[in-house]
Protein backbone atom coordinates (compact mmCIF):
# COMPACT_ATOMS: atom_id res chain seq x y z
CA MET A 1 18.85 0.19 -11.14
CA ARG A 2 18.07 -1.77 -13.22
CA VAL A 3 17.28 -6.17 -12.50
CA LYS A 4 17.80 -8.44 -15.23
CA TYR A 5 14.89 -10.16 -15.23
CA ASP A 6 16.11 -14.14 -15.33
CA GLU A 7 17.73 -12.10 -11.69
CA MET A 8 13.79 -10.81 -10.57
CA VAL A 9 12.22 -14.32 -11.65
CA LYS A 10 15.04 -16.24 -9.34
CA GLU A 11 14.76 -13.71 -6.33
CA PHE A 12 11.02 -14.20 -6.50
CA LYS A 13 10.71 -17.57 -6.54
CA ARG A 14 13.45 -17.94 -3.27
CA VAL A 15 11.93 -15.95 -1.08
CA LEU A 16 8.36 -18.11 -2.55
CA GLU A 17 9.17 -21.29 -1.52
CA LYS A 18 10.91 -20.25 1.56
CA TYR A 19 6.84 -18.69 2.43
CA GLY A 20 5.56 -22.24 1.53
CA PHE A 21 5.07 -22.80 -2.55
CA ASP A 22 6.26 -25.97 -3.82
CA ALA A 23 9.21 -25.60 -6.44
CA GLU A 24 7.37 -25.59 -9.19
CA ARG A 25 4.26 -23.34 -7.55
CA ALA A 26 6.88 -20.22 -7.07
CA ALA A 27 8.46 -20.52 -10.01
CA ASP A 28 4.84 -20.29 -11.67
CA ALA A 29 4.04 -17.70 -8.96
CA ALA A 30 7.65 -15.89 -10.11
CA GLU A 31 7.23 -15.28 -13.17
CA ILE A 32 3.70 -14.02 -12.60
CA PHE A 33 5.08 -11.55 -10.50
CA ALA A 34 8.79 -10.51 -12.88
CA GLN A 35 6.25 -9.96 -15.82
CA ASN A 36 4.68 -8.03 -14.76
CA SER A 37 6.56 -5.89 -13.90
CA LEU A 38 8.77 -6.50 -17.15
CA ALA A 39 5.76 -4.74 -18.51
CA GLY A 40 5.84 -1.86 -17.06
CA VAL A 41 3.00 -2.05 -14.08
CA PHE A 42 5.98 -2.13 -11.31
CA SER A 43 2.05 -1.85 -8.95
CA HIS A 44 1.27 -5.09 -9.25
CA GLY A 45 5.48 -6.23 -9.78
CA LEU A 46 7.91 -6.00 -7.48
CA ASN A 47 6.12 -3.02 -5.97
CA ARG A 48 2.82 -5.18 -4.97
CA PHE A 49 5.61 -8.43 -3.87
CA PRO A 50 6.44 -7.68 -0.47
CA ARG A 51 2.91 -6.74 0.88
CA VAL A 52 1.81 -10.53 -0.48
CA ILE A 53 4.59 -11.88 0.83
CA GLU A 54 3.10 -9.58 4.56
CA TYR A 55 -0.32 -11.92 3.42
CA LEU A 56 1.55 -15.25 3.66
CA ARG A 57 3.14 -13.95 7.07
CA LYS A 58 -0.17 -13.59 8.31
CA GLY A 59 -1.94 -16.43 6.96
CA GLU A 60 -4.32 -15.16 4.38
CA ILE A 61 -3.15 -16.95 1.74
CA ASP A 62 -3.03 -20.65 2.15
CA PRO A 63 0.54 -21.83 -0.33
CA GLU A 64 -1.11 -24.66 -1.03
CA VAL A 65 -4.12 -24.85 -1.49
CA LYS A 66 -6.08 -25.36 -5.30
CA ALA A 67 -8.97 -23.72 -6.92
CA GLU A 68 -10.87 -26.29 -8.35
CA CYS A 69 -14.18 -26.16 -10.12
CA THR A 70 -17.87 -26.57 -7.69
CA MET A 71 -20.53 -26.85 -11.23
CA ARG A 72 -20.97 -27.30 -14.70
CA PHE A 73 -23.66 -25.78 -16.98
CA GLY A 74 -21.90 -26.84 -20.65
CA ALA A 75 -19.61 -23.05 -21.70
CA PHE A 76 -20.10 -21.87 -17.86
CA GLU A 77 -18.88 -23.08 -15.04
CA ARG A 78 -18.46 -21.83 -10.94
CA TRP A 79 -15.23 -22.14 -9.32
CA ASP A 80 -13.95 -22.44 -5.60
CA GLY A 81 -10.54 -20.00 -5.71
CA HIS A 82 -10.38 -21.18 -1.03
CA ARG A 83 -8.95 -18.36 -0.55
CA GLY A 84 -5.35 -20.20 -2.59
CA PHE A 85 -3.01 -18.16 -4.21
CA GLY A 86 -5.14 -15.42 -6.41
CA PRO A 87 -2.70 -15.25 -9.44
CA LEU A 88 -1.84 -19.05 -10.40
CA ASN A 89 -5.51 -19.61 -8.83
CA ALA A 90 -7.25 -16.84 -12.08
CA ARG A 91 -4.07 -18.70 -14.57
CA GLN A 92 -6.20 -21.64 -14.16
CA ALA A 93 -9.48 -19.96 -13.54
CA MET A 94 -8.94 -18.53 -17.92
CA ARG A 95 -6.95 -21.23 -18.47
CA ARG A 96 -10.26 -22.99 -18.58
CA ALA A 97 -12.34 -20.45 -19.95
CA VAL A 98 -10.16 -21.02 -23.19
CA GLN A 99 -11.06 -25.42 -23.16
CA LEU A 100 -14.13 -24.42 -23.03
CA ALA A 101 -14.35 -21.10 -25.82
CA LYS A 102 -12.47 -24.03 -27.91
CA GLU A 103 -15.47 -26.51 -27.47
CA PHE A 104 -18.43 -24.27 -27.70
CA GLY A 105 -17.03 -20.79 -28.46
CA ILE A 106 -17.41 -19.00 -25.24
CA GLY A 107 -16.12 -20.12 -22.32
CA VAL A 108 -17.12 -18.43 -18.54
CA VAL A 109 -15.74 -19.53 -14.99
CA ALA A 110 -17.10 -17.69 -11.86
CA LEU A 111 -14.18 -17.73 -9.66
CA GLY A 112 -14.97 -16.72 -5.92
CA ASN A 113 -13.40 -16.37 -2.75
CA ASN A 114 -10.08 -15.90 -4.47
CA ASN A 115 -7.46 -13.55 -3.72
CA HIS A 116 -5.60 -11.11 -5.29
CA TRP A 117 -4.53 -11.89 -8.96
CA MET A 118 -2.89 -8.98 -8.65
CA ARG A 119 -2.55 -7.73 -13.13
CA GLY A 120 -5.71 -8.04 -14.36
CA GLY A 121 -4.33 -7.42 -17.63
CA THR A 122 -1.77 -10.56 -17.58
CA TYR A 123 -4.91 -13.12 -18.18
CA GLY A 124 -6.30 -10.78 -20.87
CA TRP A 125 -2.66 -11.60 -22.75
CA GLN A 126 -2.91 -15.38 -21.26
CA ALA A 127 -6.19 -15.01 -23.64
CA ALA A 128 -5.27 -13.51 -26.10
CA ASP A 129 -1.91 -16.25 -26.32
CA GLU A 130 -3.97 -18.59 -26.63
CA GLY A 131 -6.27 -17.22 -30.35
CA CYS A 132 -9.01 -16.18 -28.29
CA ILE A 133 -10.88 -12.94 -26.73
CA GLY A 134 -10.46 -12.21 -22.96
CA ILE A 135 -12.66 -10.26 -20.90
CA CYS A 136 -12.10 -10.13 -17.71
CA TRP A 137 -12.71 -8.58 -13.79
CA SER A 138 -12.39 -8.70 -10.41
CA ASN A 139 -14.06 -7.30 -7.06
CA THR A 140 -12.20 -6.07 -4.94
CA CYS A 141 -12.59 -4.90 -1.61
CA PRO A 142 -14.41 -1.55 -0.24
CA ASN A 143 -12.23 1.56 -1.73
CA MET A 144 -14.35 4.14 -3.99
CA PRO A 145 -16.69 6.48 -3.28
CA ALA A 146 -20.16 6.13 -4.79
CA TRP A 147 -20.82 8.75 -7.37
CA GLY A 148 -21.66 11.34 -4.86
CA GLY A 149 -20.88 10.37 -1.97
CA THR A 150 -17.76 10.30 -0.18
CA ASP A 151 -17.77 7.53 2.10
CA ARG A 152 -15.99 4.43 0.54
CA LYS A 153 -19.11 1.39 -0.65
CA ILE A 154 -17.20 0.02 -4.13
CA GLY A 155 -15.21 -1.28 -5.63
CA ASN A 156 -12.17 -0.17 -8.71
CA ASN A 157 -12.82 -2.98 -10.13
CA PRO A 158 -10.79 -3.57 -12.84
CA LEU A 159 -11.90 -4.62 -15.87
CA ILE A 160 -9.56 -6.38 -18.68
CA MET A 161 -10.77 -6.58 -22.70
CA ALA A 162 -7.69 -8.64 -24.64
CA VAL A 163 -8.09 -9.52 -28.92
CA PRO A 164 -5.42 -11.65 -30.04
CA ARG A 165 -3.33 -10.93 -33.34
CA SER A 166 -1.48 -14.14 -34.33
CA ASN A 167 2.01 -12.29 -34.85
CA GLY A 168 1.99 -11.88 -30.17
CA ASP A 169 0.66 -8.27 -30.74
CA HIS A 170 -2.34 -7.95 -29.54
CA VAL A 171 -4.62 -5.32 -28.55
CA VAL A 172 -5.11 -5.54 -24.37
CA ILE A 173 -6.90 -2.96 -22.08
CA ASP A 174 -6.83 -2.85 -18.18
CA CYS A 175 -7.46 -0.67 -16.33
CA ALA A 176 -9.51 0.01 -13.00
CA VAL A 177 -12.47 2.22 -12.76
CA SER A 178 -11.16 4.74 -11.05
CA GLN A 179 -9.69 6.93 -12.75
CA PHE A 180 -6.01 5.25 -11.54
CA SER A 181 -5.24 2.54 -9.66
CA TYR A 182 -3.96 2.49 -6.07
CA GLY A 183 -0.80 0.40 -7.59
CA LYS A 184 -0.27 3.30 -10.05
CA LEU A 185 -1.48 6.19 -7.27
CA GLU A 186 1.60 3.80 -4.90
CA ASP A 187 3.84 4.14 -8.19
CA CYS A 188 3.88 7.71 -8.47
CA ARG A 189 4.61 8.42 -5.49
CA LEU A 190 7.62 6.77 -5.01
CA LYS A 191 9.01 7.92 -8.09
CA GLY A 192 7.98 11.42 -6.54
CA LEU A 193 5.36 12.05 -9.19
CA GLN A 194 2.27 13.17 -9.87
CA LEU A 195 -0.02 12.43 -11.66
CA PRO A 196 -1.22 13.52 -15.16
CA VAL A 197 -4.86 14.77 -14.40
CA PRO A 198 -6.46 14.65 -10.95
CA GLY A 199 -7.58 11.27 -9.26
CA GLY A 200 -9.10 12.26 -6.39
CA TYR A 201 -9.21 14.41 -3.45
CA ASP A 202 -7.34 15.72 -0.72
CA THR A 203 -7.99 16.23 3.11
CA ASN A 204 -9.34 19.01 2.78
CA GLY A 205 -11.67 18.02 -0.44
CA ASN A 206 -10.56 19.15 -3.81
CA LEU A 207 -9.22 17.56 -6.07
CA THR A 208 -5.72 17.21 -6.58
CA THR A 209 -3.06 15.80 -8.96
CA ASP A 210 -0.68 14.31 -5.80
CA PRO A 211 -0.51 10.45 -5.06
CA GLY A 212 -0.08 10.89 -1.09
CA GLU A 213 -3.07 12.92 -0.41
CA ILE A 214 -5.60 10.19 -2.21
CA GLU A 215 -3.82 7.78 -0.41
CA LYS A 216 -4.65 9.86 2.31
CA THR A 217 -8.42 10.14 2.15
CA TRP A 218 -8.98 6.61 0.36
CA ARG A 219 -10.88 9.06 -1.90
CA VAL A 220 -10.13 8.13 -5.59
CA LEU A 221 -11.87 9.50 -8.53
CA PRO A 222 -14.22 7.03 -10.81
CA MET A 223 -13.11 7.47 -14.51
CA GLY A 224 -15.51 9.00 -15.66
CA TYR A 225 -17.19 10.32 -12.14
CA TRP A 226 -21.10 8.27 -12.40
CA LYS A 227 -20.47 6.33 -15.78
CA GLY A 228 -17.57 4.61 -14.03
CA SER A 229 -19.34 4.09 -10.66
CA GLY A 230 -22.54 2.46 -12.22
CA ILE A 231 -19.75 0.93 -14.15
CA SER A 232 -17.96 -0.86 -11.05
CA ILE A 233 -21.68 -1.01 -9.35
CA ALA A 234 -22.76 -3.72 -12.14
CA LEU A 235 -19.19 -5.63 -12.52
CA ASP A 236 -19.74 -6.33 -9.00
CA LEU A 237 -23.04 -7.15 -9.05
CA ILE A 238 -22.69 -9.72 -12.37
CA ALA A 239 -19.99 -11.37 -10.48
CA THR A 240 -21.27 -11.84 -7.27
CA VAL A 241 -24.38 -12.94 -9.12
CA LEU A 242 -22.66 -15.75 -10.80
CA SER A 243 -19.85 -17.12 -8.70
CA ASN A 244 -22.31 -16.29 -5.63
CA GLY A 245 -18.71 -15.18 -3.93
CA ASN A 246 -18.30 -12.37 -2.26
CA SER A 247 -19.35 -8.45 -2.94
CA VAL A 248 -17.27 -5.71 -1.96
CA GLN A 249 -19.38 -4.99 0.25
CA THR A 250 -18.73 -8.58 2.19
CA ILE A 251 -15.17 -8.35 1.60
CA GLY A 252 -14.80 -4.93 3.50
CA THR A 253 -15.74 -7.02 6.41
CA PHE A 254 -12.81 -9.52 6.05
CA GLY A 255 -9.37 -7.23 7.72
CA ASP A 256 -7.78 -7.89 4.73
CA GLU A 257 -8.73 -7.56 0.52
CA VAL A 258 -9.14 -11.74 1.20
CA GLY A 259 -11.28 -13.39 -0.83
CA LEU A 260 -12.30 -11.57 -3.73
CA THR A 261 -14.81 -12.68 -6.89
CA GLN A 262 -13.72 -12.47 -10.59
CA VAL A 263 -14.90 -13.07 -14.04
CA MET A 264 -13.08 -15.26 -17.30
CA ILE A 265 -14.62 -15.51 -20.49
CA ALA A 266 -12.67 -16.76 -23.25
CA ILE A 267 -14.48 -17.10 -26.84
CA ASP A 268 -12.46 -17.98 -30.00
CA PRO A 269 -12.47 -16.18 -33.24
CA GLY A 270 -12.02 -19.41 -34.79
CA LYS A 271 -15.22 -20.60 -34.73
CA ALA A 272 -16.47 -17.90 -37.73
CA ASN A 273 -13.42 -16.90 -38.40
CA THR A 274 -9.89 -17.48 -40.25
CA THR A 275 -6.43 -16.12 -38.44
CA GLU A 276 -6.06 -14.26 -41.94
CA LEU A 277 -9.58 -12.60 -41.53
CA THR A 278 -9.06 -11.89 -37.77
CA ASP A 279 -6.44 -10.87 -38.21
CA SER A 280 -6.78 -8.68 -40.95
CA ILE A 281 -10.00 -7.21 -39.24
CA VAL A 282 -7.84 -6.54 -36.06
CA ASP A 283 -4.64 -4.51 -38.33
CA GLN A 284 -7.36 -2.35 -39.84
CA ILE A 285 -8.35 -0.57 -37.50
CA VAL A 286 -5.25 -0.11 -35.77
CA ASN A 287 -3.68 0.78 -37.88
CA ASP A 288 -6.45 3.63 -38.54
CA ILE A 289 -5.67 4.77 -35.11
CA LYS A 290 -2.04 5.02 -35.27
CA SER A 291 -2.44 7.08 -38.40
CA SER A 292 -4.15 10.07 -35.95
CA VAL A 293 -2.88 12.90 -36.18
CA PRO A 294 -1.17 13.59 -32.47
CA GLU A 295 -1.50 16.64 -30.20
CA LYS A 296 1.50 17.61 -29.91
CA GLU A 297 4.05 18.19 -32.67
CA GLY A 298 6.68 14.21 -32.71
CA GLY A 299 4.33 13.17 -30.58
CA GLU A 300 2.19 9.61 -31.64
CA VAL A 301 -1.29 7.64 -30.50
CA PHE A 302 -0.72 4.66 -29.10
CA TYR A 303 -3.22 1.39 -29.41
CA PRO A 304 -4.23 -0.49 -26.01
CA GLY A 305 -1.21 -2.29 -24.83
CA GLU A 306 1.43 -1.19 -26.88
CA LEU A 307 3.17 0.76 -24.44
CA GLU A 308 3.34 -2.93 -22.85
CA LEU A 309 4.62 -4.56 -25.77
CA ARG A 310 7.28 -1.82 -26.07
CA SER A 311 8.27 -1.95 -22.26
CA ILE A 312 9.01 -5.53 -22.60
CA ARG A 313 10.83 -5.43 -24.92
CA ASP A 314 13.32 -2.80 -24.16
CA ASN A 315 13.10 -4.15 -20.22
CA LEU A 316 14.62 -7.95 -21.35
CA GLU A 317 17.68 -6.29 -23.34
CA ASN A 318 18.29 -3.48 -20.95
CA GLY A 319 17.07 -4.80 -17.31
CA ILE A 320 14.09 -4.50 -15.18
CA PRO A 321 13.59 -0.89 -13.97
CA VAL A 322 13.33 -0.80 -10.09
CA VAL A 323 13.00 1.30 -7.28
CA GLU A 324 16.28 0.85 -4.96
CA GLU A 325 14.56 0.45 -1.34
CA LYS A 326 12.22 -1.84 -2.78
CA TRP A 327 14.06 -4.58 -4.52
CA ASN A 328 16.50 -4.62 -1.46
CA GLU A 329 13.41 -5.19 0.81
CA VAL A 330 12.80 -9.23 -1.51
CA LEU A 331 16.76 -9.35 -0.67
CA ALA A 332 16.79 -9.13 2.62
CA MET A 333 13.76 -12.04 2.95
């Protein structure tokens, strides 16, 4: 089943207005959710939407509050999200980081006490659309064992890096530091798919490609094993120090995944390069990657973000593929 992008935005907006958003903020939030599905990231679009509505019902998210700056120091600012709607707060923080980058060459906004930002790649693409390199990450609740442990102590804290191209074909890597995000596990389970490589442990303590088994144990595998574990810990430390917000450990005491800490960094290459020079550098590197000899006959090597661009173009033309159960859930709200 496929749904037109405009129809998806319309339904999301209708539901968000019902749960306390004014028309403008509902439209902005609806676009973020629909764009996530448009890009093929269903785990943070349609599939995540009902969970966010549940948070609104429970009062975990205040649809009216907005993030505000609490400290300024040149190109660095500290912001408080006041547990408002995560994606809109995060977009506001990245917008400010870009403004700082246009002034200073680099801008850093540490956003504490925010809620889940959905697809982190949203803010990398946002920075790139403004001609900036974007680097951002978020911590999470404790949802992954540290390497060598069995109980959940660290987050699969998503990390995003984006490099702009003036034609809009930006290079964007958006990844959790677990082998697979929980959103990806849910998406594969709903589609009845196995993971392509082991992503965590089953109820017998064995590595498995079964997403449902991993969801039961909460023992996802850090990407790169001990390396992913170490990166997760470092990202949490840096974010918490810069924001004076909540660490993964503290978020784990809240009951729900709220009050997260995020960092937005924007760098303006235009301070040193012409647009043409930046494009030339990026094109040369990307073209070299694309010239790789495929592992399989007829295969293709992709640069980060390329598959999302293809999904966007296909889904705009043919409609967004949806899990019918999830779409009907939204229609019934």
